[in-house]
Amino acid sequence: MILLSHLESRLANLIRYYDQYSEAECQCFINFIEIFNITFAIYAENVEYNLIKIEDNEKVHEVEFDPNAYHVFSQLKFW
């Protein structure tokens, strides 16, 4: 439990640090946080994660998956 509190504290420090920058300037950090959320969603209990398309630039015969058009959202399951 102490390790998780320490990790949460360090992530909060990083978020506060990058808060002063524009979204474009900290895109690498945003990508890191999204990957981090995916990783914790996979390994955490009672967590549901969803891949949501945020960009509506659909092509009629889209063959490639565009990861920039999606975000992963996680939430706790309450049963």
PDB file of N, CA and C in Angstrom:
ATOM      1  N   MET A   1       0.815  -1.188   0.000  1.00  0.00           N
ATOM      2  CA  MET A   1       0.000   0.000   0.000  1.00  0.00           C
ATOM      3  C   MET A   1       0.864   1.259   0.000  1.00  0.00           C
ATOM      4  N   ILE A   2       2.001   1.226   0.694  1.00  0.00           N
ATOM      5  CA  ILE A   2       2.902   2.377   0.741  1.00  0.00           C
ATOM      6  C   ILE A   2       3.464   2.656  -0.644  1.00  0.00           C
ATOM      7  N   LEU A   3       3.790   1.603  -1.387  1.00  0.00           N
ATOM      8  CA  LEU A   3       4.332   1.776  -2.737  1.00  0.00           C
ATOM      9  C   LEU A   3       3.319   2.472  -3.643  1.00  0.00           C
ATOM     10  N   LEU A   4       2.053   2.081  -3.557  1.00  0.00           N
ATOM     11  CA  LEU A   4       1.021   2.702  -4.375  1.00  0.00           C
ATOM     12  C   LEU A   4       0.851   4.173  -4.011  1.00  0.00           C
ATOM     13  N   SER A   5       0.884   4.503  -2.719  1.00  0.00           N
ATOM     14  CA  SER A   5       0.787   5.897  -2.295  1.00  0.00           C
ATOM     15  C   SER A   5       1.958   6.714  -2.830  1.00  0.00           C
ATOM     16  N   HIS A   6       3.144   6.133  -2.793  1.00  0.00           N
ATOM     17  CA  HIS A   6       4.329   6.816  -3.316  1.00  0.00           C
ATOM     18  C   HIS A   6       4.198   7.039  -4.821  1.00  0.00           C
ATOM     19  N   LEU A   7       3.729   6.043  -5.535  1.00  0.00           N
ATOM     20  CA  LEU A   7       3.539   6.156  -6.982  1.00  0.00           C
ATOM     21  C   LEU A   7       2.508   7.236  -7.307  1.00  0.00           C
ATOM     22  N   GLU A   8       1.398   7.236  -6.590  1.00  0.00           N
ATOM     23  CA  GLU A   8       0.375   8.263  -6.798  1.00  0.00           C
ATOM     24  C   GLU A   8       0.927   9.654  -6.528  1.00  0.00           C
ATOM     25  N   SER A   9       1.741   9.782  -5.506  1.00  0.00           N
ATOM     26  CA  SER A   9       2.347  11.065  -5.151  1.00  0.00           C
ATOM     27  C   SER A   9       3.291  11.549  -6.255  1.00  0.00           C
ATOM     28  N   ARG A  10       4.102  10.646  -6.780  1.00  0.00           N
ATOM     29  CA  ARG A  10       5.039  11.012  -7.849  1.00  0.00           C
ATOM     30  C   ARG A  10       4.284  11.398  -9.126  1.00  0.00           C
ATOM     31  N   LEU A  11       3.224  10.668  -9.448  1.00  0.00           N
ATOM     32  CA  LEU A  11       2.420  11.017 -10.626  1.00  0.00           C
ATOM     33  C   LEU A  11       1.759  12.384 -10.458  1.00  0.00           C
ATOM     34  N   ALA A  12       1.290  12.670  -9.241  1.00  0.00           N
ATOM     35  CA  ALA A  12       0.691  13.982  -8.971  1.00  0.00           C
ATOM     36  C   ALA A  12       1.731  15.090  -9.166  1.00  0.00           C
ATOM     37  N   ASN A  13       2.961  14.845  -8.733  1.00  0.00           N
ATOM     38  CA  ASN A  13       4.028  15.829  -8.945  1.00  0.00           C
ATOM     39  C   ASN A  13       4.282  16.063 -10.430  1.00  0.00           C
ATOM     40  N   LEU A  14       4.306  14.988 -11.202  1.00  0.00           N
ATOM     41  CA  LEU A  14       4.506  15.123 -12.646  1.00  0.00           C
ATOM     42  C   LEU A  14       3.369  15.905 -13.304  1.00  0.00           C
ATOM     43  N   ILE A  15       2.161  15.610 -12.905  1.00  0.00           N
ATOM     44  CA  ILE A  15       0.999  16.310 -13.475  1.00  0.00           C
ATOM     45  C   ILE A  15       1.056  17.799 -13.131  1.00  0.00           C
ATOM     46  N   ARG A  16       1.415  18.112 -11.898  1.00  0.00           N
ATOM     47  CA  ARG A  16       1.550  19.531 -11.520  1.00  0.00           C
ATOM     48  C   ARG A  16       2.655  20.205 -12.327  1.00  0.00           C
ATOM     49  N   TYR A  17       3.751  19.499 -12.555  1.00  0.00           N
ATOM     50  CA  TYR A  17       4.861  20.058 -13.327  1.00  0.00           C
ATOM     51  C   TYR A  17       4.420  20.380 -14.755  1.00  0.00           C
ATOM     52  N   TYR A  18       3.754  19.428 -15.409  1.00  0.00           N
ATOM     53  CA  TYR A  18       3.358  19.612 -16.806  1.00  0.00           C
ATOM     54  C   TYR A  18       2.111  20.482 -16.972  1.00  0.00           C
ATOM     55  N   ASP A  19       1.455  20.811 -15.884  1.00  0.00           N
ATOM     56  CA  ASP A  19       0.251  21.638 -15.938  1.00  0.00           C
ATOM     57  C   ASP A  19       0.512  23.028 -16.520  1.00  0.00           C
ATOM     58  N   GLN A  20       1.726  23.517 -16.399  1.00  0.00           N
ATOM     59  CA  GLN A  20       2.067  24.847 -16.888  1.00  0.00           C
ATOM     60  C   GLN A  20       2.310  24.897 -18.393  1.00  0.00           C
ATOM     61  N   TYR A  21       2.406  23.759 -19.032  1.00  0.00           N
ATOM     62  CA  TYR A  21       2.695  23.689 -20.461  1.00  0.00           C
ATOM     63  C   TYR A  21       1.414  23.483 -21.267  1.00  0.00           C
ATOM     64  N   SER A  22       1.487  23.839 -22.529  1.00  0.00           N
ATOM     65  CA  SER A  22       0.342  23.604 -23.423  1.00  0.00           C
ATOM     66  C   SER A  22       0.253  22.113 -23.740  1.00  0.00           C
ATOM     67  N   GLU A  23      -0.887  21.707 -24.253  1.00  0.00           N
ATOM     68  CA  GLU A  23      -1.089  20.296 -24.616  1.00  0.00           C
ATOM     69  C   GLU A  23      -0.069  19.852 -25.654  1.00  0.00           C
ATOM     70  N   ALA A  24       0.223  20.707 -26.608  1.00  0.00           N
ATOM     71  CA  ALA A  24       1.181  20.362 -27.667  1.00  0.00           C
ATOM     72  C   ALA A  24       2.591  20.162 -27.113  1.00  0.00           C
ATOM     73  N   GLU A  25       2.950  20.948 -26.095  1.00  0.00           N
ATOM     74  CA  GLU A  25       4.294  20.868 -25.527  1.00  0.00           C
ATOM     75  C   GLU A  25       4.516  19.625 -24.668  1.00  0.00           C
ATOM     76  N   CYS A  26       3.463  19.060 -24.151  1.00  0.00           N
ATOM     77  CA  CYS A  26       3.638  17.888 -23.278  1.00  0.00           C
ATOM     78  C   CYS A  26       2.925  16.653 -23.836  1.00  0.00           C
ATOM     79  N   GLN A  27       2.863  16.538 -25.131  1.00  0.00           N
ATOM     80  CA  GLN A  27       2.187  15.398 -25.761  1.00  0.00           C
ATOM     81  C   GLN A  27       2.826  14.066 -25.372  1.00  0.00           C
ATOM     82  N   CYS A  28       4.140  14.035 -25.223  1.00  0.00           N
ATOM     83  CA  CYS A  28       4.806  12.790 -24.806  1.00  0.00           C
ATOM     84  C   CYS A  28       4.347  12.361 -23.416  1.00  0.00           C
ATOM     85  N   PHE A  29       4.194  13.318 -22.513  1.00  0.00           N
ATOM     86  CA  PHE A  29       3.723  12.991 -21.164  1.00  0.00           C
ATOM     87  C   PHE A  29       2.279  12.502 -21.197  1.00  0.00           C
ATOM     88  N   ILE A  30       1.448  13.138 -22.021  1.00  0.00           N
ATOM     89  CA  ILE A  30       0.055  12.700 -22.171  1.00  0.00           C
ATOM     90  C   ILE A  30       0.011  11.265 -22.675  1.00  0.00           C
ATOM     91  N   ASN A  31       0.845  10.944 -23.658  1.00  0.00           N
ATOM     92  CA  ASN A  31       0.912   9.572 -24.177  1.00  0.00           C
ATOM     93  C   ASN A  31       1.356   8.596 -23.086  1.00  0.00           C
ATOM     94  N   PHE A  32       2.336   9.009 -22.278  1.00  0.00           N
ATOM     95  CA  PHE A  32       2.797   8.164 -21.173  1.00  0.00           C
ATOM     96  C   PHE A  32       1.654   7.869 -20.200  1.00  0.00           C
ATOM     97  N   ILE A  33       0.904   8.903 -19.823  1.00  0.00           N
ATOM     98  CA  ILE A  33      -0.203   8.728 -18.885  1.00  0.00           C
ATOM     99  C   ILE A  33      -1.261   7.788 -19.463  1.00  0.00           C
ATOM    100  N   GLU A  34      -1.531   7.896 -20.747  1.00  0.00           N
ATOM    101  CA  GLU A  34      -2.507   6.993 -21.366  1.00  0.00           C
ATOM    102  C   GLU A  34      -2.021   5.547 -21.332  1.00  0.00           C
ATOM    103  N   ILE A  35      -0.755   5.312 -21.636  1.00  0.00           N
ATOM    104  CA  ILE A  35      -0.196   3.959 -21.575  1.00  0.00           C
ATOM    105  C   ILE A  35      -0.204   3.459 -20.125  1.00  0.00           C
ATOM    106  N   PHE A  36       0.139   4.325 -19.198  1.00  0.00           N
ATOM    107  CA  PHE A  36       0.123   3.985 -17.779  1.00  0.00           C
ATOM    108  C   PHE A  36      -1.285   3.562 -17.348  1.00  0.00           C
ATOM    109  N   ASN A  37      -2.286   4.317 -17.779  1.00  0.00           N
ATOM    110  CA  ASN A  37      -3.675   3.970 -17.445  1.00  0.00           C
ATOM    111  C   ASN A  37      -4.066   2.615 -18.010  1.00  0.00           C
ATOM    112  N   ILE A  38      -3.637   2.328 -19.225  1.00  0.00           N
ATOM    113  CA  ILE A  38      -3.931   1.029 -19.839  1.00  0.00           C
ATOM    114  C   ILE A  38      -3.290  -0.087 -19.018  1.00  0.00           C
ATOM    115  N   THR A  39      -2.039   0.098 -18.666  1.00  0.00           N
ATOM    116  CA  THR A  39      -1.314  -0.922 -17.908  1.00  0.00           C
ATOM    117  C   THR A  39      -1.988  -1.198 -16.570  1.00  0.00           C
ATOM    118  N   PHE A  40      -2.346  -0.143 -15.854  1.00  0.00           N
ATOM    119  CA  PHE A  40      -2.996  -0.341 -14.573  1.00  0.00           C
ATOM    120  C   PHE A  40      -4.400  -0.901 -14.727  1.00  0.00           C
ATOM    121  N   ALA A  41      -5.075  -0.554 -15.792  1.00  0.00           N
ATOM    122  CA  ALA A  41      -6.415  -1.104 -16.024  1.00  0.00           C
ATOM    123  C   ALA A  41      -6.350  -2.600 -16.265  1.00  0.00           C
ATOM    124  N   ILE A  42      -5.325  -3.048 -16.942  1.00  0.00           N
ATOM    125  CA  ILE A  42      -5.186  -4.477 -17.230  1.00  0.00           C
ATOM    126  C   ILE A  42      -4.885  -5.261 -15.956  1.00  0.00           C
ATOM    127  N   TYR A  43      -4.062  -4.704 -15.076  1.00  0.00           N
ATOM    128  CA  TYR A  43      -3.608  -5.442 -13.899  1.00  0.00           C
ATOM    129  C   TYR A  43      -4.390  -5.156 -12.625  1.00  0.00           C
ATOM    130  N   ALA A  44      -5.254  -4.172 -12.645  1.00  0.00           N
ATOM    131  CA  ALA A  44      -6.011  -3.834 -11.435  1.00  0.00           C
ATOM    132  C   ALA A  44      -7.306  -4.637 -11.370  1.00  0.00           C
ATOM    133  N   GLU A  45      -7.747  -4.899 -10.151  1.00  0.00           N
ATOM    134  CA  GLU A  45      -9.024  -5.579  -9.964  1.00  0.00           C
ATOM    135  C   GLU A  45     -10.166  -4.597 -10.141  1.00  0.00           C
ATOM    136  N   ASN A  46     -11.299  -5.103 -10.581  1.00  0.00           N
ATOM    137  CA  ASN A  46     -12.532  -4.323 -10.667  1.00  0.00           C
ATOM    138  C   ASN A  46     -12.396  -3.042 -11.484  1.00  0.00           C
ATOM    139  N   VAL A  47     -11.607  -3.096 -12.546  1.00  0.00           N
ATOM    140  CA  VAL A  47     -11.459  -1.935 -13.411  1.00  0.00           C
ATOM    141  C   VAL A  47     -11.923  -2.299 -14.812  1.00  0.00           C
ATOM    142  N   GLU A  48     -12.715  -1.440 -15.365  1.00  0.00           N
ATOM    143  CA  GLU A  48     -13.180  -1.617 -16.735  1.00  0.00           C
ATOM    144  C   GLU A  48     -12.505  -0.556 -17.583  1.00  0.00           C
ATOM    145  N   TYR A  49     -12.029  -0.931 -18.761  1.00  0.00           N
ATOM    146  CA  TYR A  49     -11.408   0.064 -19.620  1.00  0.00           C
ATOM    147  C   TYR A  49     -12.067   0.043 -20.987  1.00  0.00           C
ATOM    148  N   ASN A  50     -12.149   1.238 -21.588  1.00  0.00           N
ATOM    149  CA  ASN A  50     -12.837   1.403 -22.860  1.00  0.00           C
ATOM    150  C   ASN A  50     -11.980   2.188 -23.831  1.00  0.00           C
ATOM    151  N   LEU A  51     -11.984   1.777 -25.062  1.00  0.00           N
ATOM    152  CA  LEU A  51     -11.302   2.484 -26.133  1.00  0.00           C
ATOM    153  C   LEU A  51     -12.349   3.336 -26.838  1.00  0.00           C
ATOM    154  N   ILE A  52     -12.194   4.646 -26.764  1.00  0.00           N
ATOM    155  CA  ILE A  52     -13.184   5.580 -27.295  1.00  0.00           C
ATOM    156  C   ILE A  52     -12.579   6.360 -28.445  1.00  0.00           C
ATOM    157  N   LYS A  53     -13.292   6.379 -29.572  1.00  0.00           N
ATOM    158  CA  LYS A  53     -12.833   7.164 -30.718  1.00  0.00           C
ATOM    159  C   LYS A  53     -13.187   8.624 -30.477  1.00  0.00           C
ATOM    160  N   ILE A  54     -12.177   9.497 -30.569  1.00  0.00           N
ATOM    161  CA  ILE A  54     -12.417  10.908 -30.306  1.00  0.00           C
ATOM    162  C   ILE A  54     -12.340  11.763 -31.556  1.00  0.00           C
ATOM    163  N   GLU A  55     -11.692  11.280 -32.587  1.00  0.00           N
ATOM    164  CA  GLU A  55     -11.599  12.030 -33.832  1.00  0.00           C
ATOM    165  C   GLU A  55     -12.544  11.413 -34.850  1.00  0.00           C
ATOM    166  N   ASP A  56     -13.270  12.257 -35.533  1.00  0.00           N
ATOM    167  CA  ASP A  56     -14.236  11.774 -36.512  1.00  0.00           C
ATOM    168  C   ASP A  56     -13.735  12.042 -37.928  1.00  0.00           C
ATOM    169  N   ASN A  57     -12.617  11.429 -38.243  1.00  0.00           N
ATOM    170  CA  ASN A  57     -12.055  11.596 -39.579  1.00  0.00           C
ATOM    171  C   ASN A  57     -12.095  10.257 -40.320  1.00  0.00           C
ATOM    172  N   GLU A  58     -13.269   9.634 -40.295  1.00  0.00           N
ATOM    173  CA  GLU A  58     -13.432   8.317 -40.903  1.00  0.00           C
ATOM    174  C   GLU A  58     -13.291   8.386 -42.413  1.00  0.00           C
ATOM    175  N   LYS A  59     -12.633   7.398 -42.923  1.00  0.00           N
ATOM    176  CA  LYS A  59     -12.525   7.240 -44.364  1.00  0.00           C
ATOM    177  C   LYS A  59     -13.426   6.073 -44.740  1.00  0.00           C
ATOM    178  N   VAL A  60     -13.927   6.099 -45.951  1.00  0.00           N
ATOM    179  CA  VAL A  60     -14.871   5.061 -46.371  1.00  0.00           C
ATOM    180  C   VAL A  60     -14.249   3.675 -46.265  1.00  0.00           C
ATOM    181  N   HIS A  61     -13.016   3.529 -46.708  1.00  0.00           N
ATOM    182  CA  HIS A  61     -12.349   2.217 -46.676  1.00  0.00           C
ATOM    183  C   HIS A  61     -11.092   2.303 -45.828  1.00  0.00           C
ATOM    184  N   GLU A  62     -11.261   2.677 -44.584  1.00  0.00           N
ATOM    185  CA  GLU A  62     -10.124   2.818 -43.690  1.00  0.00           C
ATOM    186  C   GLU A  62      -9.539   1.447 -43.390  1.00  0.00           C
ATOM    187  N   VAL A  63      -8.256   1.263 -43.760  1.00  0.00           N
ATOM    188  CA  VAL A  63      -7.589  -0.017 -43.576  1.00  0.00           C
ATOM    189  C   VAL A  63      -6.713   0.002 -42.327  1.00  0.00           C
ATOM    190  N   GLU A  64      -6.054   1.124 -42.061  1.00  0.00           N
ATOM    191  CA  GLU A  64      -5.142   1.229 -40.939  1.00  0.00           C
ATOM    192  C   GLU A  64      -5.850   1.705 -39.681  1.00  0.00           C
ATOM    193  N   PHE A  65      -5.375   1.219 -38.568  1.00  0.00           N
ATOM    194  CA  PHE A  65      -5.849   1.688 -37.267  1.00  0.00           C
ATOM    195  C   PHE A  65      -5.047   2.932 -36.914  1.00  0.00           C
ATOM    196  N   ASP A  66      -5.741   4.031 -36.631  1.00  0.00           N
ATOM    197  CA  ASP A  66      -5.079   5.276 -36.261  1.00  0.00           C
ATOM    198  C   ASP A  66      -5.165   5.451 -34.748  1.00  0.00           C
ATOM    199  N   PRO A  67      -4.083   5.152 -34.007  1.00  0.00           N
ATOM    200  CA  PRO A  67      -4.148   5.237 -32.547  1.00  0.00           C
ATOM    201  C   PRO A  67      -4.362   6.652 -32.035  1.00  0.00           C
ATOM    202  N   ASN A  68      -4.042   7.656 -32.823  1.00  0.00           N
ATOM    203  CA  ASN A  68      -4.238   9.040 -32.401  1.00  0.00           C
ATOM    204  C   ASN A  68      -5.710   9.434 -32.383  1.00  0.00           C
ATOM    205  N   ALA A  69      -6.552   8.629 -32.989  1.00  0.00           N
ATOM    206  CA  ALA A  69      -7.981   8.933 -33.040  1.00  0.00           C
ATOM    207  C   ALA A  69      -8.729   8.351 -31.834  1.00  0.00           C
ATOM    208  N   TYR A  70      -8.017   7.678 -30.934  1.00  0.00           N
ATOM    209  CA  TYR A  70      -8.651   7.002 -29.805  1.00  0.00           C
ATOM    210  C   TYR A  70      -8.004   7.386 -28.477  1.00  0.00           C
ATOM    211  N   HIS A  71      -8.782   7.275 -27.416  1.00  0.00           N
ATOM    212  CA  HIS A  71      -8.269   7.413 -26.051  1.00  0.00           C
ATOM    213  C   HIS A  71      -8.806   6.243 -25.235  1.00  0.00           C
ATOM    214  N   VAL A  72      -8.056   5.857 -24.237  1.00  0.00           N
ATOM    215  CA  VAL A  72      -8.490   4.789 -23.343  1.00  0.00           C
ATOM    216  C   VAL A  72      -8.958   5.427 -22.039  1.00  0.00           C
ATOM    217  N   PHE A  73     -10.149   5.047 -21.614  1.00  0.00           N
ATOM    218  CA  PHE A  73     -10.708   5.519 -20.360  1.00  0.00           C
ATOM    219  C   PHE A  73     -10.908   4.329 -19.434  1.00  0.00           C
ATOM    220  N   SER A  74     -10.561   4.517 -18.192  1.00  0.00           N
ATOM    221  CA  SER A  74     -10.768   3.432 -17.218  1.00  0.00           C
ATOM    222  C   SER A  74     -11.673   3.929 -16.093  1.00  0.00           C
ATOM    223  N   GLN A  75     -12.400   3.002 -15.528  1.00  0.00           N
ATOM    224  CA  GLN A  75     -13.265   3.333 -14.393  1.00  0.00           C
ATOM    225  C   GLN A  75     -13.437   2.092 -13.525  1.00  0.00           C
ATOM    226  N   LEU A  76     -13.664   2.332 -12.251  1.00  0.00           N
ATOM    227  CA  LEU A  76     -13.903   1.235 -11.320  1.00  0.00           C
ATOM    228  C   LEU A  76     -15.261   0.620 -11.553  1.00  0.00           C
ATOM    229  N   LYS A  77     -15.322  -0.693 -11.428  1.00  0.00           N
ATOM    230  CA  LYS A  77     -16.608  -1.392 -11.495  1.00  0.00           C
ATOM    231  C   LYS A  77     -17.147  -1.502 -10.083  1.00  0.00           C
ATOM    232  N   PHE A  78     -18.399  -1.143  -9.917  1.00  0.00           N
ATOM    233  CA  PHE A  78     -19.054  -1.275  -8.615  1.00  0.00           C
ATOM    234  C   PHE A  78     -20.112  -2.359  -8.740  1.00  0.00           C
ATOM    235  N   TRP A  79     -19.855  -3.493  -8.126  1.00  0.00           N
ATOM    236  CA  TRP A  79     -20.773  -4.628  -8.238  1.00  0.00           C
ATOM    237  C   TRP A  79     -21.535  -4.780  -6.981  1.00  0.00           C
TER     238      TRP A  79
END
